[in-house]
PDB file of N, CA and C in Angstrom:
ATOM      1  N   UNK A   1      -3.238 -28.121 -21.274  1.00  0.00           N
ATOM      2  CA  UNK A   1      -2.351 -28.695 -22.382  1.00  0.00           C
ATOM      3  C   UNK A   1      -0.953 -28.149 -22.041  1.00  0.00           C
ATOM      4  N   UNK A   2      -0.201 -28.196 -22.630  1.00  0.00           N
ATOM      5  CA  UNK A   2       1.377 -27.492 -22.324  1.00  0.00           C
ATOM      6  C   UNK A   2       1.127 -26.338 -21.578  1.00  0.00           C
ATOM      7  N   UNK A   3       0.374 -25.270 -22.002  1.00  0.00           N
ATOM      8  CA  UNK A   3       0.327 -23.869 -21.541  1.00  0.00           C
ATOM      9  C   UNK A   3       0.131 -23.924 -19.919  1.00  0.00           C
ATOM     10  N   UNK A   4      -0.813 -24.920 -19.759  1.00  0.00           N
ATOM     11  CA  UNK A   4      -0.992 -24.958 -18.016  1.00  0.00           C
ATOM     12  C   UNK A   4       0.405 -25.058 -17.417  1.00  0.00           C
ATOM     13  N   UNK A   5       0.987 -26.368 -17.763  1.00  0.00           N
ATOM     14  CA  UNK A   5       2.278 -26.743 -17.229  1.00  0.00           C
ATOM     15  C   UNK A   5       3.245 -25.592 -17.209  1.00  0.00           C
ATOM     16  N   UNK A   6       3.306 -24.705 -18.286  1.00  0.00           N
ATOM     17  CA  UNK A   6       4.126 -23.449 -18.599  1.00  0.00           C
ATOM     18  C   UNK A   6       3.613 -22.426 -17.339  1.00  0.00           C
ATOM     19  N   UNK A   7       2.635 -22.274 -17.557  1.00  0.00           N
ATOM     20  CA  UNK A   7       2.331 -21.441 -16.211  1.00  0.00           C
ATOM     21  C   UNK A   7       2.335 -21.571 -15.101  1.00  0.00           C
ATOM     22  N   UNK A   8       2.164 -23.178 -14.741  1.00  0.00           N
ATOM     23  CA  UNK A   8       2.300 -24.180 -13.226  1.00  0.00           C
ATOM     24  C   UNK A   8       3.983 -23.813 -12.917  1.00  0.00           C
ATOM     25  N   UNK A   9       4.762 -23.809 -13.973  1.00  0.00           N
ATOM     26  CA  UNK A   9       6.308 -23.839 -13.934  1.00  0.00           C
ATOM     27  C   UNK A   9       6.486 -22.423 -13.109  1.00  0.00           C
ATOM     28  N   UNK A  10       5.671 -21.262 -13.929  1.00  0.00           N
ATOM     29  CA  UNK A  10       6.142 -19.931 -13.812  1.00  0.00           C
ATOM     30  C   UNK A  10       5.350 -19.739 -12.287  1.00  0.00           C
ATOM     31  N   UNK A  11       4.427 -20.232 -11.969  1.00  0.00           N
ATOM     32  CA  UNK A  11       4.080 -19.566 -10.855  1.00  0.00           C
ATOM     33  C   UNK A  11       4.773 -20.496  -9.407  1.00  0.00           C
ATOM     34  N   UNK A  12       5.038 -21.621  -9.987  1.00  0.00           N
ATOM     35  CA  UNK A  12       5.919 -22.133  -9.021  1.00  0.00           C
ATOM     36  C   UNK A  12       7.290 -21.688  -8.310  1.00  0.00           C
ATOM     37  N   UNK A  13       7.709 -20.920  -9.692  1.00  0.00           N
ATOM     38  CA  UNK A  13       9.216 -20.194  -9.631  1.00  0.00           C
ATOM     39  C   UNK A  13       9.330 -18.757  -8.889  1.00  0.00           C
ATOM     40  N   UNK A  14       7.787 -18.323  -9.069  1.00  0.00           N
ATOM     41  CA  UNK A  14       7.499 -16.877  -8.181  1.00  0.00           C
ATOM     42  C   UNK A  14       7.333 -17.214  -6.894  1.00  0.00           C
ATOM     43  N   UNK A  15       6.635 -18.533  -6.538  1.00  0.00           N
ATOM     44  CA  UNK A  15       6.212 -18.813  -4.915  1.00  0.00           C
ATOM     45  C   UNK A  15       7.899 -18.998  -4.257  1.00  0.00           C
ATOM     46  N   UNK A  16       8.705 -19.872  -5.156  1.00  0.00           N
ATOM     47  CA  UNK A  16       9.334 -20.234  -4.603  1.00  0.00           C
ATOM     48  C   UNK A  16      10.684 -19.120  -4.310  1.00  0.00           C
ATOM     49  N   UNK A  17      10.706 -18.136  -5.419  1.00  0.00           N
ATOM     50  CA  UNK A  17      11.611 -16.803  -4.969  1.00  0.00           C
ATOM     51  C   UNK A  17      10.843 -16.088  -3.913  1.00  0.00           C
ATOM     52  N   UNK A  18       9.746 -15.893  -3.565  1.00  0.00           N
ATOM     53  CA  UNK A  18       9.037 -15.059  -2.471  1.00  0.00           C
ATOM     54  C   UNK A  18       9.185 -15.912  -1.252  1.00  0.00           C
ATOM     55  N   UNK A  19       9.414 -17.430  -1.019  1.00  0.00           N
ATOM     56  CA  UNK A  19       9.531 -17.927  -0.177  1.00  0.00           C
ATOM     57  C   UNK A  19      11.278 -17.890   0.359  1.00  0.00           C
ATOM     58  N   UNK A  20      12.266 -17.695  -0.760  1.00  0.00           N
ATOM     59  CA  UNK A  20      13.505 -17.774  -0.426  1.00  0.00           C
ATOM     60  C   UNK A  20      13.527 -16.172   0.251  1.00  0.00           C
ATOM     61  N   UNK A  21      13.041 -15.407   0.087  1.00  0.00           N
ATOM     62  CA  UNK A  21      13.275 -14.015   0.398  1.00  0.00           C
ATOM     63  C   UNK A  21      12.174 -13.916   1.355  1.00  0.00           C
ATOM     64  N   UNK A  22      11.392 -14.779   2.130  1.00  0.00           N
ATOM     65  CA  UNK A  22      10.921 -14.679   3.132  1.00  0.00           C
ATOM     66  C   UNK A  22       9.720 -13.507   3.246  1.00  0.00           C
ATOM     67  N   UNK A  23       9.040 -13.296   2.003  1.00  0.00           N
ATOM     68  CA  UNK A  23       8.347 -12.594   1.712  1.00  0.00           C
ATOM     69  C   UNK A  23       6.689 -13.028   1.612  1.00  0.00           C
ATOM     70  N   UNK A  24       6.459 -13.301   2.702  1.00  0.00           N
ATOM     71  CA  UNK A  24       4.925 -13.671   2.824  1.00  0.00           C
ATOM     72  C   UNK A  24       3.825 -12.354   2.865  1.00  0.00           C
ATOM     73  N   UNK A  25       3.397 -12.615   1.668  1.00  0.00           N
ATOM     74  CA  UNK A  25       2.088 -11.043   1.577  1.00  0.00           C
ATOM     75  C   UNK A  25       0.885 -11.644   1.239  1.00  0.00           C
ATOM     76  N   UNK A  26      -0.346 -10.884   1.906  1.00  0.00           N
ATOM     77  CA  UNK A  26      -1.628 -11.391   1.561  1.00  0.00           C
ATOM     78  C   UNK A  26      -1.804 -10.937   0.095  1.00  0.00           C
ATOM     79  N   UNK A  27      -1.992 -12.105  -0.662  1.00  0.00           N
ATOM     80  CA  UNK A  27      -1.987 -11.692  -2.128  1.00  0.00           C
ATOM     81  C   UNK A  27      -3.323 -10.714  -2.768  1.00  0.00           C
ATOM     82  N   UNK A  28      -4.423 -11.133  -1.696  1.00  0.00           N
ATOM     83  CA  UNK A  28      -5.645 -10.212  -2.217  1.00  0.00           C
ATOM     84  C   UNK A  28      -5.432  -8.874  -1.952  1.00  0.00           C
ATOM     85  N   UNK A  29      -4.766  -8.714  -0.576  1.00  0.00           N
ATOM     86  CA  UNK A  29      -4.493  -7.231  -0.138  1.00  0.00           C
ATOM     87  C   UNK A  29      -3.413  -6.731  -1.096  1.00  0.00           C
ATOM     88  N   UNK A  30      -2.513  -7.529  -1.954  1.00  0.00           N
ATOM     89  CA  UNK A  30      -0.955  -6.804  -2.768  1.00  0.00           C
ATOM     90  C   UNK A  30      -2.555  -6.289  -3.922  1.00  0.00           C
ATOM     91  N   UNK A  31      -3.552  -7.507  -4.582  1.00  0.00           N
ATOM     92  CA  UNK A  31      -3.816  -7.216  -5.654  1.00  0.00           C
ATOM     93  C   UNK A  31      -4.921  -5.601  -5.791  1.00  0.00           C
ATOM     94  N   UNK A  32      -5.169  -5.322  -4.575  1.00  0.00           N
ATOM     95  CA  UNK A  32      -6.350  -4.391  -4.250  1.00  0.00           C
ATOM     96  C   UNK A  32      -5.610  -3.182  -3.739  1.00  0.00           C
ATOM     97  N   UNK A  33      -4.156  -3.357  -3.488  1.00  0.00           N
ATOM     98  CA  UNK A  33      -3.591  -1.921  -3.146  1.00  0.00           C
ATOM     99  C   UNK A  33      -3.376  -0.850  -3.970  1.00  0.00           C
ATOM    100  N   UNK A  34      -3.119  -1.038  -5.074  1.00  0.00           N
ATOM    101  CA  UNK A  34      -3.323   0.215  -6.222  1.00  0.00           C
ATOM    102  C   UNK A  34      -4.362   0.774  -6.533  1.00  0.00           C
ATOM    103  N   UNK A  35      -5.792   0.252  -6.025  1.00  0.00           N
ATOM    104  CA  UNK A  35      -7.020   0.892  -6.529  1.00  0.00           C
ATOM    105  C   UNK A  35      -7.252   1.956  -5.873  1.00  0.00           C
ATOM    106  N   UNK A  36      -7.505   2.896  -6.663  1.00  0.00           N
ATOM    107  CA  UNK A  36      -7.741   4.360  -6.337  1.00  0.00           C
ATOM    108  C   UNK A  36      -6.629   5.096  -6.245  1.00  0.00           C
ATOM    109  N   UNK A  37      -5.509   4.794  -6.546  1.00  0.00           N
ATOM    110  CA  UNK A  37      -4.153   5.241  -6.395  1.00  0.00           C
ATOM    111  C   UNK A  37      -3.984   6.128  -7.552  1.00  0.00           C
ATOM    112  N   UNK A  38      -3.162   7.165  -7.647  1.00  0.00           N
ATOM    113  CA  UNK A  38      -2.410   7.553  -8.950  1.00  0.00           C
ATOM    114  C   UNK A  38      -1.284   6.835  -9.227  1.00  0.00           C
ATOM    115  N   UNK A  39      -1.166   6.739 -10.486  1.00  0.00           N
ATOM    116  CA  UNK A  39      -0.173   5.951 -10.962  1.00  0.00           C
ATOM    117  C   UNK A  39       1.591   6.990 -10.778  1.00  0.00           C
ATOM    118  N   UNK A  40       2.306   6.211 -10.385  1.00  0.00           N
ATOM    119  CA  UNK A  40       3.709   7.499 -10.012  1.00  0.00           C
ATOM    120  C   UNK A  40       3.952   7.740 -11.291  1.00  0.00           C
ATOM    121  N   UNK A  41       4.544   8.757 -11.456  1.00  0.00           N
ATOM    122  CA  UNK A  41       4.927   9.868 -12.671  1.00  0.00           C
ATOM    123  C   UNK A  41       6.276   8.830 -13.449  1.00  0.00           C
ATOM    124  N   UNK A  42       6.971   7.999 -12.924  1.00  0.00           N
ATOM    125  CA  UNK A  42       8.256   7.488 -13.189  1.00  0.00           C
ATOM    126  C   UNK A  42       7.618   6.088 -13.943  1.00  0.00           C
ATOM    127  N   UNK A  43       6.108   5.880 -13.998  1.00  0.00           N
ATOM    128  CA  UNK A  43       5.857   4.406 -14.224  1.00  0.00           C
ATOM    129  C   UNK A  43       5.745   4.572 -15.917  1.00  0.00           C
ATOM    130  N   UNK A  44       6.442   3.566 -16.629  1.00  0.00           N
ATOM    131  CA  UNK A  44       6.037   4.113 -18.167  1.00  0.00           C
ATOM    132  C   UNK A  44       5.475   2.558 -18.557  1.00  0.00           C
ATOM    133  N   UNK A  45       4.336   2.686 -19.422  1.00  0.00           N
ATOM    134  CA  UNK A  45       3.437   1.548 -19.905  1.00  0.00           C
ATOM    135  C   UNK A  45       3.746   1.347 -21.142  1.00  0.00           C
ATOM    136  N   UNK A  46       4.018  -0.077 -21.622  1.00  0.00           N
ATOM    137  CA  UNK A  46       4.291  -0.346 -23.083  1.00  0.00           C
ATOM    138  C   UNK A  46       2.620  -0.191 -24.057  1.00  0.00           C
ATOM    139  N   UNK A  47       2.560   0.224 -24.877  1.00  0.00           N
ATOM    140  CA  UNK A  47       1.456   0.891 -25.262  1.00  0.00           C
ATOM    141  C   UNK A  47       0.632  -0.383 -25.916  1.00  0.00           C
ATOM    142  N   UNK A  48      -0.789  -0.756 -25.535  1.00  0.00           N
ATOM    143  CA  UNK A  48      -1.371  -1.605 -26.026  1.00  0.00           C
ATOM    144  C   UNK A  48      -1.676  -1.692 -27.416  1.00  0.00           C
ATOM    145  N   UNK A  49      -1.006  -2.017 -28.170  1.00  0.00           N
ATOM    146  CA  UNK A  49      -1.234  -2.207 -29.858  1.00  0.00           C
ATOM    147  C   UNK A  49      -2.042  -3.411 -30.136  1.00  0.00           C
ATOM    148  N   UNK A  50      -2.427  -3.498 -31.182  1.00  0.00           N
ATOM    149  CA  UNK A  50      -3.148  -4.804 -31.738  1.00  0.00           C
ATOM    150  C   UNK A  50      -2.274  -6.083 -31.617  1.00  0.00           C
ATOM    151  N   UNK A  51      -0.975  -5.842 -31.908  1.00  0.00           N
ATOM    152  CA  UNK A  51       0.367  -6.979 -31.529  1.00  0.00           C
ATOM    153  C   UNK A  51       0.148  -7.296 -30.463  1.00  0.00           C
ATOM    154  N   UNK A  52       0.309  -6.496 -29.420  1.00  0.00           N
ATOM    155  CA  UNK A  52       0.818  -7.070 -28.029  1.00  0.00           C
ATOM    156  C   UNK A  52      -0.911  -7.545 -27.598  1.00  0.00           C
ATOM    157  N   UNK A  53      -1.589  -6.968 -28.149  1.00  0.00           N
ATOM    158  CA  UNK A  53      -2.986  -7.518 -27.463  1.00  0.00           C
ATOM    159  C   UNK A  53      -3.277  -9.137 -27.746  1.00  0.00           C
ATOM    160  N   UNK A  54      -2.735  -9.060 -29.327  1.00  0.00           N
ATOM    161  CA  UNK A  54      -3.074 -10.396 -29.585  1.00  0.00           C
ATOM    162  C   UNK A  54      -1.768 -11.683 -29.300  1.00  0.00           C
ATOM    163  N   UNK A  55      -0.674 -11.153 -28.741  1.00  0.00           N
ATOM    164  CA  UNK A  55       0.580 -11.825 -27.653  1.00  0.00           C
ATOM    165  C   UNK A  55      -0.295 -12.448 -26.798  1.00  0.00           C
ATOM    166  N   UNK A  56      -0.953 -11.269 -25.753  1.00  0.00           N
ATOM    167  CA  UNK A  56      -0.971 -11.480 -24.590  1.00  0.00           C
ATOM    168  C   UNK A  56      -2.772 -12.302 -24.688  1.00  0.00           C
ATOM    169  N   UNK A  57      -3.188 -12.510 -25.876  1.00  0.00           N
ATOM    170  CA  UNK A  57      -4.427 -13.770 -25.774  1.00  0.00           C
ATOM    171  C   UNK A  57      -4.155 -14.902 -26.042  1.00  0.00           C
ATOM    172  N   UNK A  58      -2.940 -15.332 -27.188  1.00  0.00           N
ATOM    173  CA  UNK A  58      -2.003 -16.363 -26.960  1.00  0.00           C
ATOM    174  C   UNK A  58      -1.530 -16.695 -25.795  1.00  0.00           C
ATOM    175  N   UNK A  59      -1.158 -15.941 -25.045  1.00  0.00           N
ATOM    176  CA  UNK A  59      -0.450 -16.366 -23.465  1.00  0.00           C
ATOM    177  C   UNK A  59      -1.356 -16.692 -22.509  1.00  0.00           C
ATOM    178  N   UNK A  60      -2.422 -15.706 -22.727  1.00  0.00           N
ATOM    179  CA  UNK A  60      -3.814 -16.359 -21.620  1.00  0.00           C
ATOM    180  C   UNK A  60      -4.703 -17.075 -22.002  1.00  0.00           C
ATOM    181  N   UNK A  61      -4.650 -17.854 -23.149  1.00  0.00           N
ATOM    182  CA  UNK A  61      -5.407 -18.878 -23.482  1.00  0.00           C
ATOM    183  C   UNK A  61      -4.791 -20.092 -22.945  1.00  0.00           C
ATOM    184  N   UNK A  62      -5.794 -20.600 -22.393  1.00  0.00           N
ATOM    185  CA  UNK A  62      -5.069 -21.902 -21.471  1.00  0.00           C
ATOM    186  C   UNK A  62      -5.431 -23.164 -22.585  1.00  0.00           C
ATOM    187  N   UNK A  63      -5.939 -22.984 -23.827  1.00  0.00           N
ATOM    188  CA  UNK A  63      -5.664 -23.985 -24.852  1.00  0.00           C
ATOM    189  C   UNK A  63      -4.313 -23.848 -25.650  1.00  0.00           C
ATOM    190  N   UNK A  64      -3.721 -22.836 -25.490  1.00  0.00           N
ATOM    191  CA  UNK A  64      -2.392 -22.459 -26.548  1.00  0.00           C
ATOM    192  C   UNK A  64      -1.473 -23.503 -26.198  1.00  0.00           C
ATOM    193  N   UNK A  65      -0.523 -24.137 -27.354  1.00  0.00           N
ATOM    194  CA  UNK A  65       0.263 -25.012 -27.571  1.00  0.00           C
ATOM    195  C   UNK A  65       1.673 -24.539 -26.771  1.00  0.00           C
ATOM    196  N   UNK A  66       2.316 -25.716 -26.016  1.00  0.00           N
ATOM    197  CA  UNK A  66       3.605 -25.071 -25.485  1.00  0.00           C
ATOM    198  C   UNK A  66       4.468 -23.961 -26.513  1.00  0.00           C
ATOM    199  N   UNK A  67       4.706 -24.754 -27.546  1.00  0.00           N
ATOM    200  CA  UNK A  67       5.334 -23.968 -28.720  1.00  0.00           C
ATOM    201  C   UNK A  67       4.959 -22.585 -28.598  1.00  0.00           C
ATOM    202  N   UNK A  68       3.471 -22.228 -29.011  1.00  0.00           N
ATOM    203  CA  UNK A  68       3.008 -20.709 -29.604  1.00  0.00           C
ATOM    204  C   UNK A  68       3.361 -19.805 -27.575  1.00  0.00           C
ATOM    205  N   UNK A  69       2.926 -20.886 -26.816  1.00  0.00           N
ATOM    206  CA  UNK A  69       3.070 -19.684 -25.566  1.00  0.00           C
ATOM    207  C   UNK A  69       4.682 -19.324 -25.369  1.00  0.00           C
ATOM    208  N   UNK A  70       5.379 -19.941 -25.778  1.00  0.00           N
ATOM    209  CA  UNK A  70       7.205 -20.101 -25.341  1.00  0.00           C
ATOM    210  C   UNK A  70       7.386 -18.515 -26.224  1.00  0.00           C
ATOM    211  N   UNK A  71       6.824 -18.932 -27.630  1.00  0.00           N
ATOM    212  CA  UNK A  71       7.266 -17.847 -29.104  1.00  0.00           C
ATOM    213  C   UNK A  71       6.569 -16.496 -28.812  1.00  0.00           C
ATOM    214  N   UNK A  72       5.557 -16.720 -28.015  1.00  0.00           N
ATOM    215  CA  UNK A  72       4.831 -15.147 -27.771  1.00  0.00           C
ATOM    216  C   UNK A  72       4.954 -14.731 -26.696  1.00  0.00           C
ATOM    217  N   UNK A  73       5.522 -15.549 -25.726  1.00  0.00           N
ATOM    218  CA  UNK A  73       6.312 -14.843 -24.405  1.00  0.00           C
ATOM    219  C   UNK A  73       7.457 -14.201 -24.944  1.00  0.00           C
ATOM    220  N   UNK A  74       8.293 -14.857 -25.352  1.00  0.00           N
ATOM    221  CA  UNK A  74       9.528 -14.100 -25.871  1.00  0.00           C
ATOM    222  C   UNK A  74       9.492 -13.000 -26.659  1.00  0.00           C
ATOM    223  N   UNK A  75       8.318 -13.087 -27.260  1.00  0.00           N
ATOM    224  CA  UNK A  75       8.422 -11.930 -28.207  1.00  0.00           C
ATOM    225  C   UNK A  75       7.776 -10.851 -27.541  1.00  0.00           C
ATOM    226  N   UNK A  76       7.061 -11.035 -26.567  1.00  0.00           N
ATOM    227  CA  UNK A  76       6.263  -9.983 -25.568  1.00  0.00           C
ATOM    228  C   UNK A  76       7.416  -9.577 -24.747  1.00  0.00           C
ATOM    229  N   UNK A  77       8.240 -10.396 -24.521  1.00  0.00           N
ATOM    230  CA  UNK A  77       9.583  -9.558 -23.625  1.00  0.00           C
ATOM    231  C   UNK A  77      10.408  -8.794 -24.451  1.00  0.00           C
ATOM    232  N   UNK A  78      10.704  -9.348 -25.810  1.00  0.00           N
ATOM    233  CA  UNK A  78      11.644  -8.509 -26.210  1.00  0.00           C
ATOM    234  C   UNK A  78      11.029  -7.094 -26.726  1.00  0.00           C
ATOM    235  N   UNK A  79       9.907  -7.089 -26.733  1.00  0.00           N
ATOM    236  CA  UNK A  79       8.751  -5.644 -27.081  1.00  0.00           C
ATOM    237  C   UNK A  79       9.528  -4.779 -25.805  1.00  0.00           C
ATOM    238  N   UNK A  80       8.930  -5.651 -24.631  1.00  0.00           N
ATOM    239  CA  UNK A  80       9.266  -4.757 -23.275  1.00  0.00           C
ATOM    240  C   UNK A  80      10.371  -4.478 -23.077  1.00  0.00           C
ATOM    241  N   UNK A  81      11.363  -5.518 -23.577  1.00  0.00           N
ATOM    242  CA  UNK A  81      12.830  -4.703 -23.433  1.00  0.00           C
ATOM    243  C   UNK A  81      13.080  -3.633 -24.071  1.00  0.00           C
ATOM    244  N   UNK A  82      13.106  -4.014 -25.241  1.00  0.00           N
ATOM    245  CA  UNK A  82      13.431  -2.587 -26.323  1.00  0.00           C
ATOM    246  C   UNK A  82      12.714  -1.452 -26.064  1.00  0.00           C
ATOM    247  N   UNK A  83      11.552  -1.383 -25.246  1.00  0.00           N
ATOM    248  CA  UNK A  83      10.946  -0.150 -24.806  1.00  0.00           C
ATOM    249  C   UNK A  83      11.507   0.538 -23.711  1.00  0.00           C
ATOM    250  N   UNK A  84      12.113  -0.572 -22.848  1.00  0.00           N
ATOM    251  CA  UNK A  84      12.673  -0.084 -21.485  1.00  0.00           C
ATOM    252  C   UNK A  84      13.801   0.602 -22.250  1.00  0.00           C
ATOM    253  N   UNK A  85      14.545  -0.284 -23.118  1.00  0.00           N
ATOM    254  CA  UNK A  85      16.158   0.672 -23.508  1.00  0.00           C
ATOM    255  C   UNK A  85      16.050   1.963 -24.107  1.00  0.00           C
ATOM    256  N   UNK A  86      14.686   2.048 -24.533  1.00  0.00           N
ATOM    257  CA  UNK A  86      14.301   3.050 -25.429  1.00  0.00           C
ATOM    258  C   UNK A  86      14.071   4.325 -24.224  1.00  0.00           C
ATOM    259  N   UNK A  87      13.810   4.225 -23.120  1.00  0.00           N
ATOM    260  CA  UNK A  87      13.873   5.159 -22.125  1.00  0.00           C
ATOM    261  C   UNK A  87      15.059   5.760 -21.362  1.00  0.00           C
ATOM    262  N   UNK A  88      15.871   4.817 -21.899  1.00  0.00           N
ATOM    263  CA  UNK A  88      17.314   5.253 -21.178  1.00  0.00           C
ATOM    264  C   UNK A  88      17.930   6.440 -21.741  1.00  0.00           C
ATOM    265  N   UNK A  89      18.973   7.263 -20.903  1.00  0.00           N
ATOM    266  CA  UNK A  89      19.543   8.365 -21.592  1.00  0.00           C
ATOM    267  C   UNK A  89      20.627   7.996 -22.498  1.00  0.00           C
ATOM    268  N   UNK A  90      20.280   8.754 -23.724  1.00  0.00           N
ATOM    269  CA  UNK A  90      21.591   8.594 -24.843  1.00  0.00           C
ATOM    270  C   UNK A  90      21.583  10.109 -25.260  1.00  0.00           C
ATOM    271  N   UNK A  91      22.953  10.178 -25.897  1.00  0.00           N
ATOM    272  CA  UNK A  91      23.390  11.476 -26.017  1.00  0.00           C
ATOM    273  C   UNK A  91      23.584  11.364 -27.713  1.00  0.00           C
ATOM    274  N   UNK A  92      23.704  12.321 -28.375  1.00  0.00           N
ATOM    275  CA  UNK A  92      24.228  12.081 -29.931  1.00  0.00           C
ATOM    276  C   UNK A  92      25.876  12.167 -29.963  1.00  0.00           C
ATOM    277  N   UNK A  93      26.235  11.304 -30.995  1.00  0.00           N
ATOM    278  CA  UNK A  93      27.475  11.087 -31.180  1.00  0.00           C
ATOM    279  C   UNK A  93      27.760  10.888 -32.699  1.00  0.00           C
ATOM    280  N   UNK A  94      28.964  11.175 -33.249  1.00  0.00           N
ATOM    281  CA  UNK A  94      29.299  11.147 -34.649  1.00  0.00           C
ATOM    282  C   UNK A  94      30.466   9.434 -34.711  1.00  0.00           C
ATOM    283  N   UNK A  95      30.213   8.977 -35.752  1.00  0.00           N
ATOM    284  CA  UNK A  95      31.607   8.162 -35.572  1.00  0.00           C
ATOM    285  C   UNK A  95      31.825   8.176 -37.353  1.00  0.00           C
ATOM    286  N   UNK A  96      32.669   7.691 -37.519  1.00  0.00           N
ATOM    287  CA  UNK A  96      33.035   7.401 -38.558  1.00  0.00           C
ATOM    288  C   UNK A  96      32.774   5.739 -39.506  1.00  0.00           C
ATOM    289  N   UNK A  97      32.370   5.849 -40.499  1.00  0.00           N
ATOM    290  CA  UNK A  97      32.270   4.342 -41.188  1.00  0.00           C
ATOM    291  C   UNK A  97      33.222   3.721 -41.808  1.00  0.00           C
ATOM    292  N   UNK A  98      33.282   2.644 -42.320  1.00  0.00           N
ATOM    293  CA  UNK A  98      34.511   2.153 -42.942  1.00  0.00           C
ATOM    294  C   UNK A  98      34.468   2.737 -44.328  1.00  0.00           C
ATOM    295  N   UNK A  99      33.761   3.508 -44.823  1.00  0.00           N
ATOM    296  CA  UNK A  99      33.661   4.023 -46.129  1.00  0.00           C
ATOM    297  C   UNK A  99      34.304   5.617 -45.960  1.00  0.00           C
ATOM    298  N   UNK A 100      34.678   5.961 -44.601  1.00  0.00           N
ATOM    299  CA  UNK A 100      35.242   7.055 -44.306  1.00  0.00           C
ATOM    300  C   UNK A 100      34.186   8.311 -44.100  1.00  0.00           C
ATOM    301  N   UNK A 101      32.790   7.851 -44.251  1.00  0.00           N
ATOM    302  CA  UNK A 101      31.602   8.517 -43.911  1.00  0.00           C
ATOM    303  C   UNK A 101      31.390   9.084 -42.280  1.00  0.00           C
ATOM    304  N   UNK A 102      30.920  10.280 -42.194  1.00  0.00           N
ATOM    305  CA  UNK A 102      30.459  10.395 -40.762  1.00  0.00           C
ATOM    306  C   UNK A 102      29.237  10.170 -40.600  1.00  0.00           C
ATOM    307  N   UNK A 103      28.724   9.123 -39.640  1.00  0.00           N
ATOM    308  CA  UNK A 103      27.422   8.928 -39.517  1.00  0.00           C
ATOM    309  C   UNK A 103      27.209   9.389 -37.827  1.00  0.00           C
ATOM    310  N   UNK A 104      26.072   9.916 -37.857  1.00  0.00           N
ATOM    311  CA  UNK A 104      25.271  10.998 -36.608  1.00  0.00           C
ATOM    312  C   UNK A 104      24.448   9.730 -36.007  1.00  0.00           C
ATOM    313  N   UNK A 105      24.737   9.512 -34.741  1.00  0.00           N
ATOM    314  CA  UNK A 105      23.971   8.174 -34.306  1.00  0.00           C
ATOM    315  C   UNK A 105      23.801   8.669 -32.757  1.00  0.00           C
ATOM    316  N   UNK A 106      23.771   7.521 -31.911  1.00  0.00           N
ATOM    317  CA  UNK A 106      23.333   7.862 -30.622  1.00  0.00           C
ATOM    318  C   UNK A 106      23.998   6.838 -29.962  1.00  0.00           C
ATOM    319  N   UNK A 107      24.668   7.412 -28.601  1.00  0.00           N
ATOM    320  CA  UNK A 107      25.393   6.275 -27.645  1.00  0.00           C
ATOM    321  C   UNK A 107      24.625   6.526 -26.087  1.00  0.00           C
ATOM    322  N   UNK A 108      24.618   5.241 -25.394  1.00  0.00           N
ATOM    323  CA  UNK A 108      24.415   5.367 -24.019  1.00  0.00           C
ATOM    324  C   UNK A 108      24.990   6.678 -23.117  1.00  0.00           C
ATOM    325  N   UNK A 109      24.231   7.214 -22.399  1.00  0.00           N
ATOM    326  CA  UNK A 109      24.510   8.462 -21.741  1.00  0.00           C
ATOM    327  C   UNK A 109      24.440   8.212 -20.213  1.00  0.00           C
ATOM    328  N   UNK A 110      24.818   6.996 -19.489  1.00  0.00           N
ATOM    329  CA  UNK A 110      24.452   7.239 -18.285  1.00  0.00           C
ATOM    330  C   UNK A 110      25.922   5.883 -18.037  1.00  0.00           C
ATOM    331  N   UNK A 111      25.393   5.730 -16.558  1.00  0.00           N
ATOM    332  CA  UNK A 111      26.695   4.592 -16.247  1.00  0.00           C
ATOM    333  C   UNK A 111      26.165   3.585 -15.594  1.00  0.00           C
ATOM    334  N   UNK A 112      25.043   3.699 -14.822  1.00  0.00           N
ATOM    335  CA  UNK A 112      24.321   2.539 -14.022  1.00  0.00           C
ATOM    336  C   UNK A 112      23.031   2.402 -14.656  1.00  0.00           C
ATOM    337  N   UNK A 113      22.410   1.163 -14.589  1.00  0.00           N
ATOM    338  CA  UNK A 113      21.118   1.242 -15.127  1.00  0.00           C
ATOM    339  C   UNK A 113      20.647   0.206 -13.773  1.00  0.00           C
ATOM    340  N   UNK A 114      19.442   0.418 -13.095  1.00  0.00           N
ATOM    341  CA  UNK A 114      18.907  -0.465 -12.314  1.00  0.00           C
ATOM    342  C   UNK A 114      17.954  -1.380 -12.688  1.00  0.00           C
ATOM    343  N   UNK A 115      17.812  -2.663 -12.459  1.00  0.00           N
ATOM    344  CA  UNK A 115      17.329  -3.834 -12.510  1.00  0.00           C
ATOM    345  C   UNK A 115      16.515  -4.657 -11.740  1.00  0.00           C
ATOM    346  N   UNK A 116      15.441  -4.386 -11.752  1.00  0.00           N
ATOM    347  CA  UNK A 116      14.421  -5.164 -10.568  1.00  0.00           C
ATOM    348  C   UNK A 116      14.152  -6.558 -11.111  1.00  0.00           C
ATOM    349  N   UNK A 117      14.219  -7.527 -10.251  1.00  0.00           N
ATOM    350  CA  UNK A 117      14.315  -8.970 -10.127  1.00  0.00           C
ATOM    351  C   UNK A 117      12.790  -9.481  -9.724  1.00  0.00           C
TER     352      UNK A 117
END
């Protein structure tokens, strides 16, 4: 159904981006390249909670309707982005509220963030 169309669109987009960048890899070699290798210390993995596993189930099910596929994909992306943001450096700061009270919060403590496309 609609899920297969959405998956096909994503796959086509990835393939077109790889072609644009002239990256032609042997997919079987890429898929097995990490096996028997230690994971990098800098790698952070989103914890597989029942909620995350449930969203993966909807996304991977070929019978999931288009609207559910989009909803759960976006929800999973939000969780991933929230997790990634939690890994950024922050420092403690104090701000004053509209009521004149001091509030101890957190402020981003970096100048640049690297994003991979």
